[in-house]
PDB file of N, CA and C in Angstrom:
ATOM      1  N   MET A   1     -28.342  -2.352 -20.246  1.00  0.00           N
ATOM      2  CA  MET A   1     -27.052  -2.580 -19.607  1.00  0.00           C
ATOM      3  C   MET A   1     -26.093  -1.477 -20.042  1.00  0.00           C
ATOM      4  N   SER A   2     -25.197  -1.158 -19.158  1.00  0.00           N
ATOM      5  CA  SER A   2     -24.308  -0.022 -19.376  1.00  0.00           C
ATOM      6  C   SER A   2     -23.034  -0.384 -20.129  1.00  0.00           C
ATOM      7  N   GLY A   3     -22.724  -1.668 -20.200  1.00  0.00           N
ATOM      8  CA  GLY A   3     -21.452  -2.073 -20.777  1.00  0.00           C
ATOM      9  C   GLY A   3     -20.347  -2.139 -19.733  1.00  0.00           C
ATOM     10  N   LYS A   4     -20.644  -1.669 -18.520  1.00  0.00           N
ATOM     11  CA  LYS A   4     -19.676  -1.700 -17.428  1.00  0.00           C
ATOM     12  C   LYS A   4     -19.748  -3.063 -16.749  1.00  0.00           C
ATOM     13  N   TRP A   5     -18.619  -3.490 -16.203  1.00  0.00           N
ATOM     14  CA  TRP A   5     -18.531  -4.767 -15.499  1.00  0.00           C
ATOM     15  C   TRP A   5     -17.940  -4.533 -14.124  1.00  0.00           C
ATOM     16  N   GLU A   6     -18.443  -5.283 -13.127  1.00  0.00           N
ATOM     17  CA  GLU A   6     -17.994  -5.124 -11.746  1.00  0.00           C
ATOM     18  C   GLU A   6     -17.257  -6.370 -11.268  1.00  0.00           C
ATOM     19  N   CYS A   7     -16.119  -6.150 -10.627  1.00  0.00           N
ATOM     20  CA  CYS A   7     -15.369  -7.244 -10.015  1.00  0.00           C
ATOM     21  C   CYS A   7     -16.145  -7.724  -8.791  1.00  0.00           C
ATOM     22  N   LEU A   8     -16.430  -9.020  -8.740  1.00  0.00           N
ATOM     23  CA  LEU A   8     -17.188  -9.568  -7.631  1.00  0.00           C
ATOM     24  C   LEU A   8     -16.338  -9.726  -6.377  1.00  0.00           C
ATOM     25  N   SER A   9     -15.031  -9.582  -6.502  1.00  0.00           N
ATOM     26  CA  SER A   9     -14.146  -9.690  -5.334  1.00  0.00           C
ATOM     27  C   SER A   9     -13.978  -8.359  -4.612  1.00  0.00           C
ATOM     28  N   CYS A  10     -13.767  -7.283  -5.382  1.00  0.00           N
ATOM     29  CA  CYS A  10     -13.446  -6.008  -4.724  1.00  0.00           C
ATOM     30  C   CYS A  10     -14.363  -4.847  -5.116  1.00  0.00           C
ATOM     31  N   GLY A  11     -15.223  -5.041  -6.123  1.00  0.00           N
ATOM     32  CA  GLY A  11     -16.143  -3.982  -6.522  1.00  0.00           C
ATOM     33  C   GLY A  11     -15.603  -3.024  -7.572  1.00  0.00           C
ATOM     34  N   HIS A  12     -14.375  -3.262  -8.067  1.00  0.00           N
ATOM     35  CA  HIS A  12     -13.819  -2.411  -9.127  1.00  0.00           C
ATOM     36  C   HIS A  12     -14.747  -2.448 -10.336  1.00  0.00           C
ATOM     37  N   ILE A  13     -14.964  -1.303 -10.968  1.00  0.00           N
ATOM     38  CA  ILE A  13     -15.810  -1.225 -12.155  1.00  0.00           C
ATOM     39  C   ILE A  13     -14.925  -1.017 -13.380  1.00  0.00           C
ATOM     40  N   TYR A  14     -15.088  -1.907 -14.374  1.00  0.00           N
ATOM     41  CA  TYR A  14     -14.412  -1.713 -15.661  1.00  0.00           C
ATOM     42  C   TYR A  14     -15.334  -0.888 -16.545  1.00  0.00           C
ATOM     43  N   HIS A  15     -14.855   0.263 -16.998  1.00  0.00           N
ATOM     44  CA  HIS A  15     -15.595   1.174 -17.866  1.00  0.00           C
ATOM     45  C   HIS A  15     -15.031   1.040 -19.286  1.00  0.00           C
ATOM     46  N   PRO A  16     -15.789   0.453 -20.217  1.00  0.00           N
ATOM     47  CA  PRO A  16     -15.262   0.293 -21.578  1.00  0.00           C
ATOM     48  C   PRO A  16     -14.839   1.612 -22.224  1.00  0.00           C
ATOM     49  N   GLU A  17     -15.566   2.695 -21.929  1.00  0.00           N
ATOM     50  CA  GLU A  17     -15.230   3.976 -22.555  1.00  0.00           C
ATOM     51  C   GLU A  17     -13.886   4.511 -22.070  1.00  0.00           C
ATOM     52  N   LEU A  18     -13.438   4.049 -20.898  1.00  0.00           N
ATOM     53  CA  LEU A  18     -12.141   4.478 -20.360  1.00  0.00           C
ATOM     54  C   LEU A  18     -11.027   3.480 -20.670  1.00  0.00           C
ATOM     55  N   GLY A  19     -11.404   2.206 -20.867  1.00  0.00           N
ATOM     56  CA  GLY A  19     -10.400   1.168 -21.063  1.00  0.00           C
ATOM     57  C   GLY A  19      -9.601   0.962 -19.785  1.00  0.00           C
ATOM     58  N   ALA A  20      -8.403   0.457 -19.944  1.00  0.00           N
ATOM     59  CA  ALA A  20      -7.487   0.260 -18.812  1.00  0.00           C
ATOM     60  C   ALA A  20      -6.086   0.600 -19.305  1.00  0.00           C
ATOM     61  N   PRO A  21      -5.814   1.905 -19.488  1.00  0.00           N
ATOM     62  CA  PRO A  21      -4.542   2.336 -20.053  1.00  0.00           C
ATOM     63  C   PRO A  21      -3.325   1.787 -19.307  1.00  0.00           C
ATOM     64  N   GLU A  22      -3.458   1.598 -17.991  1.00  0.00           N
ATOM     65  CA  GLU A  22      -2.343   1.069 -17.198  1.00  0.00           C
ATOM     66  C   GLU A  22      -1.990  -0.362 -17.604  1.00  0.00           C
ATOM     67  N   ASP A  23      -2.951  -1.037 -18.259  1.00  0.00           N
ATOM     68  CA  ASP A  23      -2.733  -2.404 -18.746  1.00  0.00           C
ATOM     69  C   ASP A  23      -2.598  -2.467 -20.264  1.00  0.00           C
ATOM     70  N   GLY A  24      -2.504  -1.294 -20.909  1.00  0.00           N
ATOM     71  CA  GLY A  24      -2.394  -1.257 -22.361  1.00  0.00           C
ATOM     72  C   GLY A  24      -3.711  -1.477 -23.081  1.00  0.00           C
ATOM     73  N   ILE A  25      -4.838  -1.319 -22.376  1.00  0.00           N
ATOM     74  CA  ILE A  25      -6.165  -1.490 -22.963  1.00  0.00           C
ATOM     75  C   ILE A  25      -6.696  -0.105 -23.332  1.00  0.00           C
ATOM     76  N   PRO A  26      -6.859   0.159 -24.636  1.00  0.00           N
ATOM     77  CA  PRO A  26      -7.283   1.502 -25.041  1.00  0.00           C
ATOM     78  C   PRO A  26      -8.749   1.790 -24.723  1.00  0.00           C
ATOM     79  N   PRO A  27      -9.097   3.077 -24.590  1.00  0.00           N
ATOM     80  CA  PRO A  27     -10.498   3.454 -24.400  1.00  0.00           C
ATOM     81  C   PRO A  27     -11.349   2.894 -25.536  1.00  0.00           C
ATOM     82  N   GLY A  28     -12.582   2.525 -25.205  1.00  0.00           N
ATOM     83  CA  GLY A  28     -13.509   1.981 -26.190  1.00  0.00           C
ATOM     84  C   GLY A  28     -13.450   0.464 -26.320  1.00  0.00           C
ATOM     85  N   THR A  29     -12.643  -0.199 -25.477  1.00  0.00           N
ATOM     86  CA  THR A  29     -12.515  -1.657 -25.545  1.00  0.00           C
ATOM     87  C   THR A  29     -13.633  -2.319 -24.742  1.00  0.00           C
ATOM     88  N   PRO A  30     -14.536  -3.064 -25.423  1.00  0.00           N
ATOM     89  CA  PRO A  30     -15.585  -3.779 -24.682  1.00  0.00           C
ATOM     90  C   PRO A  30     -14.974  -4.849 -23.780  1.00  0.00           C
ATOM     91  N   PHE A  31     -15.672  -5.168 -22.701  1.00  0.00           N
ATOM     92  CA  PHE A  31     -15.176  -6.172 -21.761  1.00  0.00           C
ATOM     93  C   PHE A  31     -14.890  -7.494 -22.469  1.00  0.00           C
ATOM     94  N   ALA A  32     -15.748  -7.886 -23.382  1.00  0.00           N
ATOM     95  CA  ALA A  32     -15.582  -9.160 -24.098  1.00  0.00           C
ATOM     96  C   ALA A  32     -14.282  -9.207 -24.894  1.00  0.00           C
ATOM     97  N   ASP A  33     -13.745  -8.047 -25.250  1.00  0.00           N
ATOM     98  CA  ASP A  33     -12.522  -7.985 -26.048  1.00  0.00           C
ATOM     99  C   ASP A  33     -11.249  -7.903 -25.200  1.00  0.00           C
ATOM    100  N   LEU A  34     -11.391  -7.892 -23.870  1.00  0.00           N
ATOM    101  CA  LEU A  34     -10.205  -7.896 -23.018  1.00  0.00           C
ATOM    102  C   LEU A  34      -9.476  -9.226 -23.180  1.00  0.00           C
ATOM    103  N   PRO A  35      -8.151  -9.217 -23.124  1.00  0.00           N
ATOM    104  CA  PRO A  35      -7.404 -10.474 -23.251  1.00  0.00           C
ATOM    105  C   PRO A  35      -7.798 -11.465 -22.158  1.00  0.00           C
ATOM    106  N   GLU A  36      -7.739 -12.753 -22.472  1.00  0.00           N
ATOM    107  CA  GLU A  36      -8.099 -13.795 -21.500  1.00  0.00           C
ATOM    108  C   GLU A  36      -7.278 -13.680 -20.216  1.00  0.00           C
ATOM    109  N   GLY A  37      -6.044 -13.245 -20.318  1.00  0.00           N
ATOM    110  CA  GLY A  37      -5.182 -13.148 -19.149  1.00  0.00           C
ATOM    111  C   GLY A  37      -5.332 -11.863 -18.351  1.00  0.00           C
ATOM    112  N   TRP A  38      -6.245 -10.984 -18.773  1.00  0.00           N
ATOM    113  CA  TRP A  38      -6.436  -9.714 -18.073  1.00  0.00           C
ATOM    114  C   TRP A  38      -6.959  -9.983 -16.671  1.00  0.00           C
ATOM    115  N   THR A  39      -6.478  -9.207 -15.695  1.00  0.00           N
ATOM    116  CA  THR A  39      -6.926  -9.341 -14.311  1.00  0.00           C
ATOM    117  C   THR A  39      -7.354  -7.986 -13.767  1.00  0.00           C
ATOM    118  N   CYS A  40      -8.121  -8.016 -12.707  1.00  0.00           N
ATOM    119  CA  CYS A  40      -8.582  -6.786 -12.055  1.00  0.00           C
ATOM    120  C   CYS A  40      -7.374  -5.966 -11.612  1.00  0.00           C
ATOM    121  N   PRO A  41      -7.332  -4.684 -11.979  1.00  0.00           N
ATOM    122  CA  PRO A  41      -6.189  -3.860 -11.592  1.00  0.00           C
ATOM    123  C   PRO A  41      -6.127  -3.571 -10.092  1.00  0.00           C
ATOM    124  N   GLU A  42      -7.216  -3.802  -9.374  1.00  0.00           N
ATOM    125  CA  GLU A  42      -7.215  -3.526  -7.934  1.00  0.00           C
ATOM    126  C   GLU A  42      -6.890  -4.751  -7.094  1.00  0.00           C
ATOM    127  N   CYS A  43      -7.464  -5.921  -7.449  1.00  0.00           N
ATOM    128  CA  CYS A  43      -7.264  -7.091  -6.581  1.00  0.00           C
ATOM    129  C   CYS A  43      -6.605  -8.278  -7.288  1.00  0.00           C
ATOM    130  N   GLY A  44      -6.465  -8.200  -8.618  1.00  0.00           N
ATOM    131  CA  GLY A  44      -5.764  -9.244  -9.346  1.00  0.00           C
ATOM    132  C   GLY A  44      -6.582 -10.470  -9.708  1.00  0.00           C
ATOM    133  N   THR A  45      -7.889 -10.464  -9.430  1.00  0.00           N
ATOM    134  CA  THR A  45      -8.711 -11.617  -9.792  1.00  0.00           C
ATOM    135  C   THR A  45      -8.880 -11.696 -11.310  1.00  0.00           C
ATOM    136  N   HIS A  46      -9.164 -12.887 -11.814  1.00  0.00           N
ATOM    137  CA  HIS A  46      -9.300 -13.088 -13.263  1.00  0.00           C
ATOM    138  C   HIS A  46     -10.605 -12.478 -13.784  1.00  0.00           C
ATOM    139  N   LYS A  47     -10.658 -12.253 -15.085  1.00  0.00           N
ATOM    140  CA  LYS A  47     -11.816 -11.567 -15.657  1.00  0.00           C
ATOM    141  C   LYS A  47     -13.095 -12.375 -15.557  1.00  0.00           C
ATOM    142  N   GLY A  48     -12.987 -13.678 -15.310  1.00  0.00           N
ATOM    143  CA  GLY A  48     -14.171 -14.501 -15.116  1.00  0.00           C
ATOM    144  C   GLY A  48     -14.912 -14.197 -13.821  1.00  0.00           C
ATOM    145  N   ASN A  49     -14.305 -13.400 -12.955  1.00  0.00           N
ATOM    146  CA  ASN A  49     -14.923 -13.047 -11.676  1.00  0.00           C
ATOM    147  C   ASN A  49     -15.572 -11.671 -11.754  1.00  0.00           C
ATOM    148  N   PHE A  50     -15.916 -11.232 -12.954  1.00  0.00           N
ATOM    149  CA  PHE A  50     -16.627  -9.976 -13.160  1.00  0.00           C
ATOM    150  C   PHE A  50     -18.049 -10.285 -13.617  1.00  0.00           C
ATOM    151  N   ALA A  51     -18.964  -9.403 -13.298  1.00  0.00           N
ATOM    152  CA  ALA A  51     -20.360  -9.540 -13.718  1.00  0.00           C
ATOM    153  C   ALA A  51     -20.802  -8.236 -14.365  1.00  0.00           C
ATOM    154  N   PRO A  52     -21.701  -8.322 -15.358  1.00  0.00           N
ATOM    155  CA  PRO A  52     -22.210  -7.087 -15.985  1.00  0.00           C
ATOM    156  C   PRO A  52     -22.919  -6.224 -14.951  1.00  0.00           C
ATOM    157  N   LEU A  53     -22.684  -4.935 -15.053  1.00  0.00           N
ATOM    158  CA  LEU A  53     -23.312  -3.978 -14.152  1.00  0.00           C
ATOM    159  C   LEU A  53     -24.565  -3.450 -14.842  1.00  0.00           C
ATOM    160  N   LYS A  54     -25.695  -3.593 -14.216  1.00  0.00           N
ATOM    161  CA  LYS A  54     -26.949  -3.145 -14.805  1.00  0.00           C
ATOM    162  C   LYS A  54     -27.147  -1.657 -14.525  1.00  0.00           C
ATOM    163  N   ASP A  55     -27.789  -0.973 -15.474  1.00  0.00           N
ATOM    164  CA  ASP A  55     -28.127   0.447 -15.264  1.00  0.00           C
ATOM    165  C   ASP A  55     -29.175   0.567 -14.185  1.00  0.00           C
ATOM    166  N   ASN A  56     -29.113   1.630 -13.424  1.00  0.00           N
ATOM    167  CA  ASN A  56     -30.131   1.866 -12.388  1.00  0.00           C
ATOM    168  C   ASN A  56     -31.234   2.731 -12.926  1.00  0.00           C
TER     169      ASN A  56
END
């Protein structure tokens, strides 16, 4: 597994190595360590609507 997670609503990919600086999430933050209230930056869905992205 790559450590990346995909939003099942819009397809946004969360990259742990990049973090989410626009949300105050620093690079290197694993998905599991995102705050419970974190939402997809593209569609606003909750983090429970993400699935691990498998390596191809």
